[in-house]
Amino acid sequence: MSATLAFTAASTIFGIMGSNRAANAEALQAEQQARQMEIDRKLAEAQALEAQNLRISEYNLARSSNNAQFSFQLGGGESSSLAAFERCQRETMSSDVASSQRLAGIEGSSRSVAAMIERQRGVSAKSVARINNMSRLFELGSDLSKTYVPKTYTPTKD
């Protein structure tokens, strides 16, 4: 009976060690995934900023081209249509850039939340391992208590 208990105790200890290692590995993987998500978020922010700058440059180029064409048609003079066109171009560019910024902000927030969820998954894996390990220890204690037989006192006859 003693060998069985030793085997059960050793098995429980090795199971706990394996469970801890698996939980730590899962937590590490979750942390690495979260870091990658944050890197992807920063890369997406940089790409959004680059796209925004390119869009502004395109608007400025189109505006310059259109201004030159209007000026040529008007013989170099100013007109209310040119001023209206300029105002419309500024409003369109501002609206387009604001929309781009909102979308980039939403995407960045989404990636940040995903990274936090991933980190929480790693923390949860460790918590589950701890709970399972405690359960194993209680089970081992229960098995040990089942084998305990108290010595009974029997008076000897003199």
N, C-alpha and C. Protein backbone atom coordinates (compact mmCIF):
# COMPACT_ATOMS: atom_id res chain seq x y z
N MET A 1 0.81 -1.18 0.00
CA MET A 1 0.00 0.00 0.00
C MET A 1 0.87 1.25 0.00
N SER A 2 1.99 1.22 0.63
CA SER A 2 2.87 2.36 0.75
C SER A 2 3.46 2.75 -0.61
N ALA A 3 3.79 1.78 -1.44
CA ALA A 3 4.33 2.06 -2.77
C ALA A 3 3.28 2.74 -3.64
N THR A 4 2.05 2.34 -3.48
CA THR A 4 0.96 2.96 -4.24
C THR A 4 0.80 4.42 -3.84
N LEU A 5 0.89 4.68 -2.56
CA LEU A 5 0.78 6.06 -2.09
C LEU A 5 1.95 6.91 -2.58
N ALA A 6 3.13 6.35 -2.55
CA ALA A 6 4.31 7.07 -3.03
C ALA A 6 4.16 7.37 -4.53
N PHE A 7 3.66 6.38 -5.25
CA PHE A 7 3.44 6.57 -6.68
C PHE A 7 2.38 7.65 -6.92
N THR A 8 1.31 7.62 -6.15
CA THR A 8 0.25 8.61 -6.28
C THR A 8 0.78 10.01 -5.95
N ALA A 9 1.55 10.12 -4.88
CA ALA A 9 2.12 11.41 -4.49
C ALA A 9 3.08 11.92 -5.58
N ALA A 10 3.93 11.06 -6.07
CA ALA A 10 4.88 11.46 -7.12
C ALA A 10 4.14 11.86 -8.39
N SER A 11 3.12 11.09 -8.74
CA SER A 11 2.32 11.40 -9.92
C SER A 11 1.64 12.76 -9.77
N THR A 12 1.13 13.03 -8.59
CA THR A 12 0.48 14.31 -8.35
C THR A 12 1.47 15.46 -8.46
N ILE A 13 2.64 15.29 -7.88
CA ILE A 13 3.66 16.34 -7.93
C ILE A 13 4.11 16.59 -9.37
N PHE A 14 4.35 15.51 -10.11
CA PHE A 14 4.75 15.68 -11.52
C PHE A 14 3.63 16.31 -12.33
N GLY A 15 2.40 15.94 -12.04
CA GLY A 15 1.26 16.55 -12.72
C GLY A 15 1.17 18.04 -12.44
N ILE A 16 1.41 18.41 -11.18
CA ILE A 16 1.39 19.83 -10.81
C ILE A 16 2.51 20.59 -11.53
N MET A 17 3.68 20.00 -11.56
CA MET A 17 4.81 20.64 -12.24
C MET A 17 4.51 20.81 -13.72
N GLY A 18 3.96 19.76 -14.34
CA GLY A 18 3.62 19.84 -15.76
C GLY A 18 2.55 20.87 -16.03
N SER A 19 1.56 20.92 -15.15
CA SER A 19 0.49 21.89 -15.29
C SER A 19 1.02 23.32 -15.17
N ASN A 20 1.93 23.54 -14.23
CA ASN A 20 2.53 24.87 -14.07
C ASN A 20 3.34 25.27 -15.30
N ARG A 21 4.09 24.33 -15.82
CA ARG A 21 4.89 24.64 -17.01
C ARG A 21 4.00 24.94 -18.20
N ALA A 22 2.93 24.16 -18.37
CA ALA A 22 2.00 24.40 -19.49
C ALA A 22 1.33 25.77 -19.34
N ALA A 23 0.93 26.10 -18.11
CA ALA A 23 0.29 27.40 -17.87
C ALA A 23 1.26 28.54 -18.12
N ASN A 24 2.50 28.38 -17.68
CA ASN A 24 3.51 29.42 -17.92
C ASN A 24 3.79 29.58 -19.40
N ALA A 25 3.84 28.46 -20.11
CA ALA A 25 4.08 28.53 -21.56
C ALA A 25 2.91 29.22 -22.26
N GLU A 26 1.69 28.91 -21.83
CA GLU A 26 0.52 29.55 -22.43
C GLU A 26 0.50 31.04 -22.11
N ALA A 27 0.86 31.40 -20.89
CA ALA A 27 0.91 32.82 -20.51
C ALA A 27 1.98 33.55 -21.31
N LEU A 28 3.12 32.92 -21.51
CA LEU A 28 4.19 33.52 -22.30
C LEU A 28 3.74 33.71 -23.74
N GLN A 29 3.09 32.70 -24.29
CA GLN A 29 2.59 32.79 -25.66
C GLN A 29 1.56 33.92 -25.77
N ALA A 30 0.68 34.03 -24.78
CA ALA A 30 -0.32 35.09 -24.80
C ALA A 30 0.35 36.46 -24.72
N GLU A 31 1.38 36.59 -23.90
CA GLU A 31 2.10 37.86 -23.79
C GLU A 31 2.78 38.21 -25.11
N GLN A 32 3.39 37.21 -25.75
CA GLN A 32 4.04 37.46 -27.04
C GLN A 32 3.01 37.87 -28.09
N GLN A 33 1.86 37.22 -28.07
CA GLN A 33 0.79 37.56 -29.01
C GLN A 33 0.30 38.99 -28.75
N ALA A 34 0.15 39.35 -27.48
CA ALA A 34 -0.28 40.70 -27.13
C ALA A 34 0.73 41.73 -27.59
N ARG A 35 2.01 41.44 -27.41
CA ARG A 35 3.05 42.37 -27.87
C ARG A 35 3.00 42.53 -29.38
N GLN A 36 2.78 41.41 -30.09
CA GLN A 36 2.69 41.48 -31.55
C GLN A 36 1.48 42.32 -31.97
N MET A 37 0.39 42.19 -31.24
CA MET A 37 -0.80 43.00 -31.53
C MET A 37 -0.50 44.48 -31.33
N GLU A 38 0.25 44.80 -30.28
CA GLU A 38 0.61 46.20 -30.05
C GLU A 38 1.55 46.72 -31.14
N ILE A 39 2.47 45.89 -31.58
CA ILE A 39 3.36 46.27 -32.68
C ILE A 39 2.53 46.50 -33.94
N ASP A 40 1.59 45.59 -34.21
CA ASP A 40 0.72 45.75 -35.38
C ASP A 40 -0.10 47.03 -35.28
N ARG A 41 -0.56 47.36 -34.06
CA ARG A 41 -1.33 48.59 -33.87
C ARG A 41 -0.48 49.81 -34.20
N LYS A 42 0.76 49.82 -33.69
CA LYS A 42 1.64 50.96 -33.95
C LYS A 42 1.99 51.06 -35.44
N LEU A 43 2.19 49.92 -36.07
CA LEU A 43 2.46 49.90 -37.51
C LEU A 43 1.26 50.43 -38.28
N ALA A 44 0.06 50.00 -37.89
CA ALA A 44 -1.16 50.47 -38.55
C ALA A 44 -1.33 51.98 -38.35
N GLU A 45 -1.00 52.47 -37.16
CA GLU A 45 -1.08 53.92 -36.91
C GLU A 45 -0.12 54.68 -37.82
N ALA A 46 1.09 54.15 -37.96
CA ALA A 46 2.07 54.80 -38.83
C ALA A 46 1.61 54.76 -40.29
N GLN A 47 1.04 53.62 -40.70
CA GLN A 47 0.55 53.52 -42.08
C GLN A 47 -0.64 54.46 -42.30
N ALA A 48 -1.50 54.59 -41.30
CA ALA A 48 -2.64 55.50 -41.42
C ALA A 48 -2.17 56.94 -41.53
N LEU A 49 -1.16 57.29 -40.74
CA LEU A 49 -0.61 58.64 -40.80
C LEU A 49 0.04 58.90 -42.16
N GLU A 50 0.75 57.90 -42.67
CA GLU A 50 1.37 58.04 -43.99
C GLU A 50 0.30 58.19 -45.07
N ALA A 51 -0.77 57.39 -44.99
CA ALA A 51 -1.86 57.50 -45.96
C ALA A 51 -2.54 58.86 -45.86
N GLN A 52 -2.70 59.34 -44.64
CA GLN A 52 -3.31 60.65 -44.42
C GLN A 52 -2.45 61.75 -45.04
N ASN A 53 -1.14 61.68 -44.82
CA ASN A 53 -0.24 62.68 -45.39
C ASN A 53 -0.25 62.62 -46.92
N LEU A 54 -0.31 61.40 -47.46
CA LEU A 54 -0.37 61.24 -48.91
C LEU A 54 -1.66 61.84 -49.45
N ARG A 55 -2.76 61.61 -48.74
CA ARG A 55 -4.06 62.15 -49.16
C ARG A 55 -4.04 63.68 -49.13
N ILE A 56 -3.46 64.25 -48.10
CA ILE A 56 -3.35 65.72 -48.02
C ILE A 56 -2.51 66.24 -49.17
N SER A 57 -1.42 65.55 -49.47
CA SER A 57 -0.56 65.95 -50.58
C SER A 57 -1.32 65.88 -51.91
N GLU A 58 -2.12 64.83 -52.08
CA GLU A 58 -2.92 64.70 -53.31
C GLU A 58 -3.93 65.84 -53.42
N TYR A 59 -4.58 66.18 -52.30
CA TYR A 59 -5.51 67.31 -52.31
C TYR A 59 -4.80 68.60 -52.67
N ASN A 60 -3.64 68.81 -52.07
CA ASN A 60 -2.89 70.05 -52.36
C ASN A 60 -2.46 70.11 -53.82
N LEU A 61 -2.03 69.00 -54.37
CA LEU A 61 -1.63 68.95 -55.77
C LEU A 61 -2.83 69.22 -56.68
N ALA A 62 -3.98 68.57 -56.37
CA ALA A 62 -5.18 68.79 -57.18
C ALA A 62 -5.65 70.24 -57.07
N ARG A 63 -5.58 70.80 -55.88
CA ARG A 63 -5.99 72.19 -55.68
C ARG A 63 -5.09 73.13 -56.47
N SER A 64 -3.78 72.89 -56.41
CA SER A 64 -2.85 73.74 -57.16
C SER A 64 -3.12 73.66 -58.65
N SER A 65 -3.34 72.45 -59.12
CA SER A 65 -3.62 72.24 -60.54
C SER A 65 -4.91 72.94 -60.94
N ASN A 66 -5.94 72.77 -60.13
CA ASN A 66 -7.23 73.40 -60.43
C ASN A 66 -7.14 74.92 -60.33
N ASN A 67 -6.39 75.42 -59.34
CA ASN A 67 -6.21 76.87 -59.21
C ASN A 67 -5.52 77.44 -60.45
N ALA A 68 -4.51 76.72 -60.91
CA ALA A 68 -3.80 77.18 -62.11
C ALA A 68 -4.75 77.20 -63.31
N GLN A 69 -5.58 76.18 -63.42
CA GLN A 69 -6.52 76.11 -64.54
C GLN A 69 -7.56 77.24 -64.44
N PHE A 70 -8.10 77.47 -63.22
CA PHE A 70 -9.05 78.56 -63.05
C PHE A 70 -8.40 79.91 -63.35
N SER A 71 -7.21 80.08 -62.84
CA SER A 71 -6.51 81.35 -63.06
C SER A 71 -6.27 81.59 -64.54
N PHE A 72 -5.91 80.52 -65.25
CA PHE A 72 -5.67 80.65 -66.69
C PHE A 72 -6.96 81.04 -67.40
N GLN A 73 -8.06 80.37 -67.02
CA GLN A 73 -9.34 80.65 -67.66
C GLN A 73 -9.84 82.05 -67.34
N LEU A 74 -9.50 82.53 -66.14
CA LEU A 74 -9.94 83.87 -65.75
C LEU A 74 -8.95 84.95 -66.17
N GLY A 75 -7.89 84.54 -66.79
CA GLY A 75 -6.88 85.50 -67.23
C GLY A 75 -6.03 86.04 -66.09
N GLY A 76 -5.84 85.19 -65.04
CA GLY A 76 -4.98 85.57 -63.93
C GLY A 76 -5.69 86.30 -62.83
N GLY A 77 -6.97 86.50 -62.93
CA GLY A 77 -7.70 87.24 -61.92
C GLY A 77 -8.34 86.34 -60.88
N GLU A 78 -8.83 86.94 -59.83
CA GLU A 78 -9.54 86.21 -58.77
C GLU A 78 -11.02 86.23 -59.08
N SER A 79 -11.71 85.24 -58.59
CA SER A 79 -13.16 85.24 -58.76
C SER A 79 -13.80 84.57 -57.57
N SER A 80 -15.09 84.78 -57.43
CA SER A 80 -15.82 84.15 -56.33
C SER A 80 -15.90 82.64 -56.53
N SER A 81 -15.90 82.17 -57.78
CA SER A 81 -15.95 80.72 -58.02
C SER A 81 -14.64 80.07 -57.58
N LEU A 82 -13.52 80.77 -57.77
CA LEU A 82 -12.24 80.23 -57.32
C LEU A 82 -12.21 80.16 -55.79
N ALA A 83 -12.72 81.18 -55.12
CA ALA A 83 -12.77 81.18 -53.65
C ALA A 83 -13.70 80.08 -53.15
N ALA A 84 -14.83 79.89 -53.83
CA ALA A 84 -15.78 78.84 -53.45
C ALA A 84 -15.15 77.46 -53.65
N PHE A 85 -14.42 77.32 -54.75
CA PHE A 85 -13.75 76.04 -55.01
C PHE A 85 -12.71 75.75 -53.93
N GLU A 86 -11.94 76.77 -53.55
CA GLU A 86 -10.92 76.62 -52.50
C GLU A 86 -11.57 76.19 -51.19
N ARG A 87 -12.66 76.84 -50.84
CA ARG A 87 -13.37 76.53 -49.59
C ARG A 87 -13.90 75.08 -49.63
N CYS A 88 -14.47 74.72 -50.73
CA CYS A 88 -15.00 73.35 -50.88
C CYS A 88 -13.87 72.32 -50.78
N GLN A 89 -12.74 72.60 -51.40
CA GLN A 89 -11.59 71.68 -51.34
C GLN A 89 -11.09 71.51 -49.90
N ARG A 90 -11.00 72.64 -49.16
CA ARG A 90 -10.55 72.58 -47.76
C ARG A 90 -11.51 71.75 -46.92
N GLU A 91 -12.79 71.96 -47.10
CA GLU A 91 -13.80 71.21 -46.35
C GLU A 91 -13.75 69.72 -46.68
N THR A 92 -13.62 69.44 -47.97
CA THR A 92 -13.54 68.03 -48.39
C THR A 92 -12.30 67.37 -47.82
N MET A 93 -11.16 68.06 -47.88
CA MET A 93 -9.93 67.51 -47.35
C MET A 93 -10.04 67.31 -45.83
N SER A 94 -10.58 68.29 -45.13
CA SER A 94 -10.73 68.18 -43.68
C SER A 94 -11.63 67.01 -43.31
N SER A 95 -12.72 66.86 -44.02
CA SER A 95 -13.66 65.77 -43.76
C SER A 95 -13.00 64.41 -44.02
N ASP A 96 -12.28 64.34 -45.13
CA ASP A 96 -11.60 63.09 -45.49
C ASP A 96 -10.54 62.72 -44.46
N VAL A 97 -9.75 63.70 -44.04
CA VAL A 97 -8.69 63.45 -43.06
C VAL A 97 -9.30 63.08 -41.71
N ALA A 98 -10.37 63.77 -41.30
CA ALA A 98 -11.03 63.45 -40.03
C ALA A 98 -11.59 62.03 -40.05
N SER A 99 -12.18 61.65 -41.16
CA SER A 99 -12.71 60.29 -41.30
C SER A 99 -11.59 59.26 -41.20
N SER A 100 -10.49 59.55 -41.85
CA SER A 100 -9.33 58.66 -41.81
C SER A 100 -8.80 58.53 -40.39
N GLN A 101 -8.75 59.64 -39.66
CA GLN A 101 -8.27 59.62 -38.28
C GLN A 101 -9.21 58.82 -37.38
N ARG A 102 -10.52 58.98 -37.57
CA ARG A 102 -11.49 58.22 -36.77
C ARG A 102 -11.33 56.72 -37.00
N LEU A 103 -11.23 56.34 -38.26
CA LEU A 103 -11.06 54.92 -38.58
C LEU A 103 -9.77 54.36 -38.00
N ALA A 104 -8.70 55.12 -38.09
CA ALA A 104 -7.42 54.68 -37.52
C ALA A 104 -7.54 54.56 -36.00
N GLY A 105 -8.25 55.51 -35.38
CA GLY A 105 -8.45 55.45 -33.93
C GLY A 105 -9.26 54.24 -33.51
N ILE A 106 -10.30 53.94 -34.26
CA ILE A 106 -11.13 52.77 -33.96
C ILE A 106 -10.31 51.49 -34.11
N GLU A 107 -9.56 51.41 -35.18
CA GLU A 107 -8.73 50.21 -35.40
C GLU A 107 -7.67 50.08 -34.31
N GLY A 108 -7.06 51.19 -33.94
CA GLY A 108 -6.04 51.16 -32.89
C GLY A 108 -6.64 50.72 -31.56
N SER A 109 -7.81 51.25 -31.24
CA SER A 109 -8.48 50.86 -29.99
C SER A 109 -8.84 49.38 -30.00
N SER A 110 -9.31 48.91 -31.14
CA SER A 110 -9.66 47.49 -31.27
C SER A 110 -8.45 46.60 -31.04
N ARG A 111 -7.32 47.00 -31.59
CA ARG A 111 -6.10 46.21 -31.41
C ARG A 111 -5.62 46.26 -29.96
N SER A 112 -5.78 47.41 -29.31
CA SER A 112 -5.39 47.52 -27.91
C SER A 112 -6.25 46.62 -27.03
N VAL A 113 -7.54 46.61 -27.29
CA VAL A 113 -8.45 45.74 -26.53
C VAL A 113 -8.10 44.28 -26.78
N ALA A 114 -7.81 43.92 -28.02
CA ALA A 114 -7.44 42.54 -28.33
C ALA A 114 -6.17 42.14 -27.58
N ALA A 115 -5.22 43.06 -27.47
CA ALA A 115 -3.98 42.77 -26.73
C ALA A 115 -4.27 42.57 -25.25
N MET A 116 -5.16 43.39 -24.69
CA MET A 116 -5.51 43.23 -23.27
C MET A 116 -6.22 41.89 -23.04
N ILE A 117 -7.09 41.52 -23.96
CA ILE A 117 -7.79 40.23 -23.85
C ILE A 117 -6.79 39.09 -23.91
N GLU A 118 -5.83 39.21 -24.78
CA GLU A 118 -4.81 38.15 -24.91
C GLU A 118 -4.00 38.02 -23.63
N ARG A 119 -3.63 39.16 -23.03
CA ARG A 119 -2.90 39.11 -21.77
C ARG A 119 -3.75 38.47 -20.68
N GLN A 120 -5.03 38.80 -20.66
CA GLN A 120 -5.93 38.23 -19.66
C GLN A 120 -6.06 36.72 -19.85
N ARG A 121 -6.00 36.27 -21.11
CA ARG A 121 -6.05 34.83 -21.37
C ARG A 121 -4.86 34.13 -20.72
N GLY A 122 -3.69 34.75 -20.78
CA GLY A 122 -2.51 34.18 -20.14
C GLY A 122 -2.65 34.14 -18.63
N VAL A 123 -3.19 35.21 -18.06
CA VAL A 123 -3.40 35.25 -16.60
C VAL A 123 -4.41 34.20 -16.20
N SER A 124 -5.46 34.05 -17.00
CA SER A 124 -6.49 33.05 -16.71
C SER A 124 -5.92 31.63 -16.78
N ALA A 125 -5.03 31.39 -17.72
CA ALA A 125 -4.42 30.06 -17.83
C ALA A 125 -3.67 29.72 -16.55
N LYS A 126 -2.97 30.69 -16.00
CA LYS A 126 -2.25 30.45 -14.74
C LYS A 126 -3.22 30.22 -13.59
N SER A 127 -4.31 30.97 -13.56
CA SER A 127 -5.30 30.79 -12.50
C SER A 127 -5.94 29.41 -12.57
N VAL A 128 -6.26 28.98 -13.76
CA VAL A 128 -6.86 27.65 -13.93
C VAL A 128 -5.87 26.58 -13.47
N ALA A 129 -4.61 26.75 -13.81
CA ALA A 129 -3.59 25.78 -13.39
C ALA A 129 -3.49 25.73 -11.86
N ARG A 130 -3.53 26.89 -11.22
CA ARG A 130 -3.48 26.91 -9.76
C ARG A 130 -4.68 26.19 -9.15
N ILE A 131 -5.85 26.45 -9.67
CA ILE A 131 -7.06 25.79 -9.17
C ILE A 131 -6.98 24.28 -9.38
N ASN A 132 -6.54 23.87 -10.55
CA ASN A 132 -6.40 22.43 -10.82
C ASN A 132 -5.36 21.80 -9.90
N ASN A 133 -4.27 22.52 -9.65
CA ASN A 133 -3.23 22.00 -8.77
C ASN A 133 -3.74 21.86 -7.33
N MET A 134 -4.50 22.83 -6.88
CA MET A 134 -5.08 22.72 -5.54
C MET A 134 -6.02 21.52 -5.46
N SER A 135 -6.79 21.33 -6.51
CA SER A 135 -7.69 20.18 -6.57
C SER A 135 -6.91 18.87 -6.49
N ARG A 136 -5.80 18.82 -7.19
CA ARG A 136 -4.96 17.61 -7.16
C ARG A 136 -4.40 17.37 -5.76
N LEU A 137 -3.99 18.47 -5.11
CA LEU A 137 -3.45 18.32 -3.76
C LEU A 137 -4.53 17.84 -2.78
N PHE A 138 -5.74 18.37 -2.90
CA PHE A 138 -6.83 17.92 -2.04
C PHE A 138 -7.17 16.45 -2.31
N GLU A 139 -7.12 16.09 -3.58
CA GLU A 139 -7.37 14.69 -3.94
C GLU A 139 -6.30 13.78 -3.35
N LEU A 140 -5.05 14.24 -3.42
CA LEU A 140 -3.96 13.46 -2.83
C LEU A 140 -4.18 13.35 -1.32
N GLY A 141 -4.53 14.45 -0.69
CA GLY A 141 -4.81 14.42 0.75
C GLY A 141 -5.93 13.47 1.08
N SER A 142 -6.95 13.46 0.25
CA SER A 142 -8.08 12.54 0.46
C SER A 142 -7.62 11.10 0.33
N ASP A 143 -6.81 10.83 -0.69
CA ASP A 143 -6.30 9.46 -0.87
C ASP A 143 -5.44 9.04 0.31
N LEU A 144 -4.62 9.96 0.79
CA LEU A 144 -3.77 9.63 1.94
C LEU A 144 -4.61 9.38 3.20
N SER A 145 -5.64 10.18 3.37
CA SER A 145 -6.47 10.01 4.57
C SER A 145 -7.24 8.70 4.54
N LYS A 146 -7.53 8.20 3.37
CA LYS A 146 -8.25 6.93 3.25
C LYS A 146 -7.38 5.75 3.68
N THR A 147 -6.09 5.94 3.57
CA THR A 147 -5.19 4.84 3.93
C THR A 147 -4.73 4.91 5.38
N TYR A 148 -5.02 6.01 6.02
CA TYR A 148 -4.59 6.17 7.40
C TYR A 148 -5.47 5.31 8.32
N VAL A 149 -4.81 4.49 9.03
CA VAL A 149 -5.51 3.66 10.01
C VAL A 149 -4.90 3.97 11.37
N PRO A 150 -5.68 4.58 12.24
CA PRO A 150 -5.10 4.92 13.56
C PRO A 150 -4.82 3.66 14.35
N LYS A 151 -3.75 3.74 15.10
CA LYS A 151 -3.43 2.62 15.97
C LYS A 151 -4.37 2.66 17.15
N THR A 152 -4.89 1.54 17.42
CA THR A 152 -5.82 1.47 18.56
C THR A 152 -5.06 0.93 19.76
N TYR A 153 -5.43 1.46 20.87
CA TYR A 153 -4.78 1.04 22.11
C TYR A 153 -5.50 -0.19 22.64
N THR A 154 -4.75 -1.19 22.77
CA THR A 154 -5.31 -2.39 23.39
C THR A 154 -4.51 -2.68 24.66
N PRO A 155 -5.23 -2.68 25.73
CA PRO A 155 -4.51 -2.94 26.99
C PRO A 155 -3.94 -4.36 27.00
N THR A 156 -2.80 -4.45 27.54
CA THR A 156 -2.18 -5.78 27.67
C THR A 156 -2.53 -6.36 29.03
N LYS A 157 -2.67 -7.61 29.02
CA LYS A 157 -3.00 -8.29 30.29
C LYS A 157 -1.72 -8.63 31.00
N ASP A 158 -1.71 -8.28 32.23
CA ASP A 158 -0.53 -8.62 33.05
C ASP A 158 -0.76 -9.81 33.88
